[in-house]
N, C-alpha and C. Protein backbone atom coordinates (compact mmCIF):
# COMPACT_ATOMS: atom_id res chain seq x y z
N MET A 1 2.20 -7.77 -25.16
CA MET A 1 1.37 -8.82 -24.59
C MET A 1 1.20 -8.62 -22.94
N PRO A 2 0.13 -8.80 -22.46
CA PRO A 2 0.02 -8.78 -21.09
C PRO A 2 0.69 -9.62 -20.42
N ILE A 3 1.06 -9.24 -18.92
CA ILE A 3 1.95 -10.05 -18.16
C ILE A 3 0.52 -11.02 -17.26
N MET A 4 0.49 -12.20 -17.96
CA MET A 4 -0.54 -13.29 -17.45
C MET A 4 -0.72 -13.59 -15.92
N TRP A 5 0.49 -13.58 -15.21
CA TRP A 5 0.54 -14.35 -13.75
C TRP A 5 0.06 -13.26 -13.02
N PHE A 6 -0.35 -11.81 -13.52
CA PHE A 6 -1.05 -10.89 -12.63
C PHE A 6 -2.32 -10.99 -12.69
N LYS A 7 -3.04 -11.58 -13.54
CA LYS A 7 -4.30 -11.82 -13.93
C LYS A 7 -4.86 -13.19 -13.14
N SER A 8 -5.90 -13.16 -12.64
CA SER A 8 -6.50 -14.27 -12.07
C SER A 8 -7.70 -14.58 -13.43
N THR A 9 -8.49 -15.54 -13.13
CA THR A 9 -9.39 -16.06 -13.85
C THR A 9 -10.49 -15.27 -14.27
N ASN A 10 -10.91 -14.45 -13.15
CA ASN A 10 -12.01 -13.59 -13.09
C ASN A 10 -11.58 -12.30 -13.48
N GLY A 11 -10.23 -11.90 -13.68
CA GLY A 11 -9.85 -10.58 -14.07
C GLY A 11 -9.23 -9.70 -12.93
N GLY A 12 -9.53 -10.38 -11.74
CA GLY A 12 -9.57 -9.51 -10.39
C GLY A 12 -7.94 -9.04 -9.89
N GLY A 13 -6.98 -9.69 -10.78
CA GLY A 13 -5.74 -9.36 -10.33
C GLY A 13 -5.32 -9.92 -8.63
N PHE A 14 -5.55 -11.22 -8.62
CA PHE A 14 -5.39 -11.99 -7.43
C PHE A 14 -4.00 -11.62 -6.73
N ILE A 15 -2.81 -11.91 -7.52
CA ILE A 15 -1.37 -11.74 -7.30
C ILE A 15 -1.26 -10.32 -6.91
N LEU A 16 -1.71 -9.55 -7.87
CA LEU A 16 -1.43 -8.03 -7.40
C LEU A 16 -2.31 -7.34 -6.27
N LYS A 17 -3.29 -8.07 -5.91
CA LYS A 17 -4.02 -7.88 -4.60
C LYS A 17 -3.07 -8.48 -3.53
N GLN A 18 -2.55 -9.51 -3.48
CA GLN A 18 -1.72 -9.94 -2.62
C GLN A 18 -0.43 -9.10 -2.53
N ILE A 19 0.28 -8.76 -3.62
CA ILE A 19 1.39 -7.68 -3.36
C ILE A 19 1.00 -6.37 -2.77
N VAL A 20 -0.25 -5.88 -3.00
CA VAL A 20 -0.38 -4.55 -2.49
C VAL A 20 -0.96 -4.69 -1.07
N SER A 21 -1.42 -5.88 -0.78
CA SER A 21 -1.66 -6.45 0.69
C SER A 21 -0.58 -6.14 1.54
N VAL A 22 0.27 -7.01 1.13
CA VAL A 22 1.42 -7.07 1.73
C VAL A 22 2.28 -5.90 1.63
N LEU A 23 2.44 -5.13 1.00
CA LEU A 23 3.22 -3.74 0.99
C LEU A 23 2.40 -2.87 1.76
N SER A 24 1.02 -2.84 1.83
CA SER A 24 0.09 -1.91 2.67
C SER A 24 0.40 -2.26 4.07
N TYR A 25 0.46 -3.50 4.40
CA TYR A 25 0.73 -3.90 5.86
C TYR A 25 2.29 -3.51 6.41
N ILE A 26 3.49 -3.85 5.38
CA ILE A 26 4.47 -3.45 5.57
C ILE A 26 4.82 -1.97 5.80
N GLU A 27 4.13 -1.24 4.99
CA GLU A 27 4.36 0.27 5.03
C GLU A 27 3.86 0.81 6.16
N GLY A 28 2.61 0.25 6.68
CA GLY A 28 1.80 0.60 7.90
C GLY A 28 2.66 0.43 9.17
N ILE A 29 3.29 -0.81 9.25
CA ILE A 29 4.01 -1.13 10.25
C ILE A 29 5.52 -0.23 10.45
N SER A 30 6.01 -0.03 9.38
CA SER A 30 7.02 0.77 9.31
C SER A 30 6.55 2.35 9.57
N ALA A 31 5.37 3.03 9.28
CA ALA A 31 5.08 4.04 9.85
C ALA A 31 4.89 4.08 11.20
N LEU A 32 4.31 3.08 11.92
CA LEU A 32 4.07 3.04 13.21
C LEU A 32 5.56 2.89 13.89
N ILE A 33 6.45 1.93 13.25
CA ILE A 33 7.56 2.19 14.00
C ILE A 33 8.24 3.29 14.06
N LEU A 34 8.04 4.22 12.63
CA LEU A 34 8.87 5.51 12.78
C LEU A 34 8.17 6.38 13.70
N PHE A 35 6.88 6.31 13.87
CA PHE A 35 6.34 7.34 15.08
C PHE A 35 6.29 6.96 16.36
N ALA A 36 6.31 5.81 16.48
CA ALA A 36 6.30 5.10 18.00
C ALA A 36 7.69 4.77 18.61
N VAL A 37 8.71 4.39 17.74
CA VAL A 37 10.06 4.17 18.27
C VAL A 37 10.94 5.33 17.97
N ALA A 38 11.21 5.49 16.40
CA ALA A 38 12.20 6.30 16.06
C ALA A 38 12.26 7.69 16.39
N MET A 39 11.08 8.08 16.15
CA MET A 39 10.66 9.81 16.74
C MET A 39 10.89 9.80 18.06
N PRO A 40 10.51 9.24 19.00
CA PRO A 40 10.73 9.34 20.53
C PRO A 40 12.15 9.21 20.80
N VAL A 41 12.92 8.30 20.17
CA VAL A 41 14.32 8.05 20.39
C VAL A 41 15.07 9.34 19.87
N LYS A 42 14.72 10.03 18.70
CA LYS A 42 15.43 11.17 18.58
C LYS A 42 15.05 12.17 19.40
N TYR A 43 13.77 12.69 19.57
CA TYR A 43 13.42 13.91 20.38
C TYR A 43 13.74 13.77 21.76
N ILE A 44 13.53 12.60 22.38
CA ILE A 44 13.76 12.28 23.86
C ILE A 44 14.98 11.92 24.04
N GLY A 45 15.54 10.94 23.25
CA GLY A 45 17.14 10.43 23.51
C GLY A 45 17.99 11.06 22.85
N GLY A 46 17.76 12.13 21.84
CA GLY A 46 18.32 12.73 21.42
C GLY A 46 19.42 12.05 20.21
N ASP A 47 19.24 10.77 19.70
CA ASP A 47 19.86 10.42 18.46
C ASP A 47 19.10 10.03 17.67
N PRO A 48 19.45 10.97 16.54
CA PRO A 48 18.31 10.98 15.19
C PRO A 48 19.07 9.92 14.16
N SER A 49 19.84 8.91 14.40
CA SER A 49 20.19 7.91 13.26
C SER A 49 19.00 7.13 13.30
N LEU A 50 18.15 6.64 14.02
CA LEU A 50 16.98 5.51 13.79
C LEU A 50 15.98 6.27 12.69
N VAL A 51 15.92 7.37 13.28
CA VAL A 51 14.99 7.98 12.27
C VAL A 51 15.26 8.14 10.89
N SER A 52 16.77 8.54 10.40
CA SER A 52 17.16 8.36 9.34
C SER A 52 17.03 6.95 8.62
N LEU A 53 17.42 5.79 9.29
CA LEU A 53 17.12 4.43 8.78
C LEU A 53 15.70 3.99 8.49
N VAL A 54 14.85 4.23 9.62
CA VAL A 54 13.47 3.87 9.44
C VAL A 54 12.61 4.43 8.50
N GLY A 55 13.31 6.25 8.41
CA GLY A 55 12.45 6.90 7.38
C GLY A 55 12.78 6.52 6.13
N GLN A 56 14.13 6.16 5.60
CA GLN A 56 14.30 6.02 4.32
C GLN A 56 13.53 4.54 4.15
N ILE A 57 13.49 3.57 4.96
CA ILE A 57 12.69 2.23 4.58
C ILE A 57 11.31 2.55 4.56
N HIS A 58 10.69 3.57 5.42
CA HIS A 58 9.37 3.70 5.04
C HIS A 58 9.20 4.49 3.81
N GLY A 59 10.08 5.44 3.34
CA GLY A 59 9.71 6.03 2.07
C GLY A 59 9.80 4.99 0.97
N PHE A 60 10.73 4.31 1.11
CA PHE A 60 10.58 3.38 -0.11
C PHE A 60 9.50 2.29 -0.06
N LEU A 61 9.14 2.01 1.10
CA LEU A 61 7.53 1.19 1.18
C LEU A 61 6.46 2.03 0.41
N PHE A 62 6.57 3.27 1.24
CA PHE A 62 5.40 4.43 0.63
C PHE A 62 5.47 4.25 -0.74
N LEU A 63 6.68 4.40 -1.61
CA LEU A 63 6.67 4.63 -3.04
C LEU A 63 6.28 3.39 -3.80
N ALA A 64 6.57 2.33 -3.01
CA ALA A 64 6.40 0.88 -3.65
C ALA A 64 4.89 0.69 -3.65
N PHE A 65 4.31 0.95 -2.74
CA PHE A 65 2.84 1.02 -2.35
C PHE A 65 2.14 1.42 -3.22
N LEU A 66 2.34 3.07 -3.53
CA LEU A 66 1.85 3.68 -4.52
C LEU A 66 1.91 3.26 -5.72
N GLY A 67 3.25 2.85 -6.17
CA GLY A 67 3.60 2.33 -7.42
C GLY A 67 2.53 0.97 -7.77
N ALA A 68 2.45 0.20 -7.20
CA ALA A 68 1.69 -1.08 -7.13
C ALA A 68 0.25 -0.44 -7.33
N LEU A 69 -0.15 0.39 -6.49
CA LEU A 69 -1.61 1.02 -6.97
C LEU A 69 -1.79 1.41 -8.06
N PHE A 70 -0.81 2.47 -8.58
CA PHE A 70 -0.61 3.01 -9.92
C PHE A 70 -0.85 1.63 -10.98
N TYR A 71 -0.14 0.78 -10.68
CA TYR A 71 -0.15 -0.44 -11.67
C TYR A 71 -1.47 -0.73 -11.92
N GLY A 72 -2.32 -1.09 -11.00
CA GLY A 72 -3.36 -1.91 -10.67
C GLY A 72 -4.60 -1.00 -11.14
N VAL A 73 -4.72 0.27 -11.03
CA VAL A 73 -5.74 1.15 -11.50
C VAL A 73 -5.72 0.96 -12.99
N GLY A 74 -6.87 0.90 -13.37
CA GLY A 74 -7.32 0.73 -14.86
C GLY A 74 -7.28 -0.59 -15.28
N ARG A 75 -6.16 -1.77 -14.48
CA ARG A 75 -5.98 -2.89 -15.17
C ARG A 75 -7.12 -3.85 -14.21
N HIS A 76 -7.14 -3.32 -12.87
CA HIS A 76 -7.82 -4.19 -11.95
C HIS A 76 -8.93 -3.71 -10.95
N TRP A 77 -8.57 -2.28 -10.93
CA TRP A 77 -9.15 -1.39 -10.07
C TRP A 77 -9.51 -0.13 -10.48
N ASN A 78 -10.76 0.24 -9.80
CA ASN A 78 -10.90 1.74 -10.38
C ASN A 78 -10.26 2.96 -9.66
N MET A 79 -10.42 4.36 -10.14
CA MET A 79 -9.42 5.34 -9.78
C MET A 79 -9.72 5.60 -8.41
N THR A 80 -11.02 5.31 -7.81
CA THR A 80 -11.10 5.58 -6.44
C THR A 80 -10.09 4.64 -5.55
N ALA A 81 -9.52 3.80 -5.86
CA ALA A 81 -8.71 2.69 -5.29
C ALA A 81 -7.34 3.68 -4.92
N LEU A 82 -6.94 4.35 -6.05
CA LEU A 82 -5.74 4.86 -5.85
C LEU A 82 -5.89 6.12 -5.15
N PHE A 83 -7.28 6.93 -5.15
CA PHE A 83 -7.38 7.93 -4.25
C PHE A 83 -7.27 7.77 -2.60
N HIS A 84 -8.36 6.63 -2.38
CA HIS A 84 -8.30 5.83 -1.17
C HIS A 84 -6.99 5.53 -0.62
N GLY A 85 -6.20 4.78 -1.53
CA GLY A 85 -4.84 4.26 -1.27
C GLY A 85 -3.93 5.22 -0.81
N PHE A 86 -3.87 6.38 -1.49
CA PHE A 86 -3.06 7.21 -1.27
C PHE A 86 -3.26 8.21 0.34
N ILE A 87 -4.64 8.36 0.50
CA ILE A 87 -5.10 8.81 1.61
C ILE A 87 -4.71 7.93 2.84
N ALA A 88 -5.02 6.62 2.51
CA ALA A 88 -4.80 5.55 3.90
C ALA A 88 -3.43 5.52 3.81
N ALA A 89 -2.26 5.55 2.60
CA ALA A 89 -0.91 5.72 2.98
C ALA A 89 -0.46 6.78 3.76
N VAL A 90 -1.09 7.92 3.70
CA VAL A 90 -0.67 9.04 4.54
C VAL A 90 -0.94 9.30 6.04
N VAL A 91 -2.04 8.59 6.30
CA VAL A 91 -2.65 8.41 7.70
C VAL A 91 -2.07 7.47 8.35
N PRO A 92 -1.98 7.62 9.56
CA PRO A 92 -1.34 6.25 10.42
C PRO A 92 -2.36 5.29 10.50
N ALA A 93 -1.99 4.21 10.65
CA ALA A 93 -2.73 2.86 10.49
C ALA A 93 -3.89 3.06 9.18
N GLY A 94 -3.93 4.05 8.32
CA GLY A 94 -4.73 3.73 7.17
C GLY A 94 -4.62 2.61 6.59
N PRO A 95 -3.57 2.22 5.95
CA PRO A 95 -3.08 1.08 5.40
C PRO A 95 -4.12 -0.43 5.91
N PHE A 96 -3.98 -0.37 6.95
CA PHE A 96 -4.66 -1.68 7.55
C PHE A 96 -6.25 -1.63 7.16
N LEU A 97 -6.80 -0.42 7.15
CA LEU A 97 -8.26 -0.15 6.88
C LEU A 97 -8.18 -0.40 5.33
N PHE A 98 -7.51 0.30 4.55
CA PHE A 98 -7.48 -0.23 3.03
C PHE A 98 -7.26 -1.14 2.49
N ASP A 99 -6.77 -2.17 3.28
CA ASP A 99 -6.40 -3.45 2.70
C ASP A 99 -7.91 -4.04 2.72
N GLY A 100 -8.43 -4.08 3.92
CA GLY A 100 -9.78 -4.86 4.14
C GLY A 100 -10.76 -4.59 2.90
N MET A 101 -10.52 -2.97 2.60
CA MET A 101 -11.56 -2.81 1.58
C MET A 101 -11.00 -3.36 0.36
N LEU A 102 -9.71 -3.07 -0.10
CA LEU A 102 -9.26 -3.55 -1.32
C LEU A 102 -9.51 -5.08 -1.56
N ILE A 103 -9.31 -5.89 -0.68
CA ILE A 103 -9.59 -7.39 -0.55
C ILE A 103 -11.11 -7.77 -0.68
N SER A 104 -11.82 -6.89 -0.19
CA SER A 104 -13.35 -7.33 -0.35
C SER A 104 -13.82 -6.95 -1.67
N GLY A 105 -13.20 -6.44 -2.67
CA GLY A 105 -13.42 -6.13 -3.99
C GLY A 105 -14.43 -4.75 -4.25
N GLU A 106 -14.21 -3.96 -3.39
CA GLU A 106 -14.88 -2.91 -3.35
C GLU A 106 -14.65 -1.91 -4.53
N TYR A 107 -13.09 -2.00 -4.99
CA TYR A 107 -12.65 -1.28 -5.90
C TYR A 107 -12.31 -1.95 -7.36
N ASP A 108 -12.93 -3.33 -7.28
CA ASP A 108 -12.81 -4.00 -8.77
C ASP A 108 -13.36 -3.45 -9.93
N LEU A 109 -12.65 -3.36 -10.84
CA LEU A 109 -13.67 -3.12 -12.12
C LEU A 109 -14.64 -4.19 -12.50
N GLU A 110 -15.64 -3.24 -13.08
CA GLU A 110 -16.79 -4.28 -13.39
C GLU A 110 -16.52 -4.96 -14.83
N GLU A 111 -16.53 -6.15 -15.02
CA GLU A 111 -16.28 -6.93 -16.19
C GLU A 111 -17.50 -6.37 -17.31
N LYS A 112 -16.44 -6.35 -18.46
CA LYS A 112 -17.35 -5.83 -19.38
C LYS A 112 -17.95 -6.99 -20.11
N SER A 113 -19.25 -6.93 -20.38
CA SER A 113 -19.83 -8.15 -21.09
C SER A 113 -20.05 -7.92 -22.53
N ASN A 114 -19.88 -8.88 -23.54
CA ASN A 114 -19.68 -8.87 -24.82
C ASN A 114 -21.02 -9.35 -25.52
């Protein structure tokens, strides 16, 4: 039996879109903090402890974001969403652009007519 609260009335997975959207923003922000704060502290300040902490948080968020995309592909979005989402998660600030495309419905599966 499918989990009903992941489905909206039009089958677009509204709640899942919100989860992926929040994860993408948090993952993007964690990447920017890692690159703009933690890495300069490590290489300029000589203290690698911040990179260890922020890196672990960013890694968890990266995997959670990709996991949510894997869950949504085939149920709510096409395979292109997974490909673009992975590319966006690797590129700094990419999750912010991907979120706009996901919310716009660009990757939604076409509804089957009976």
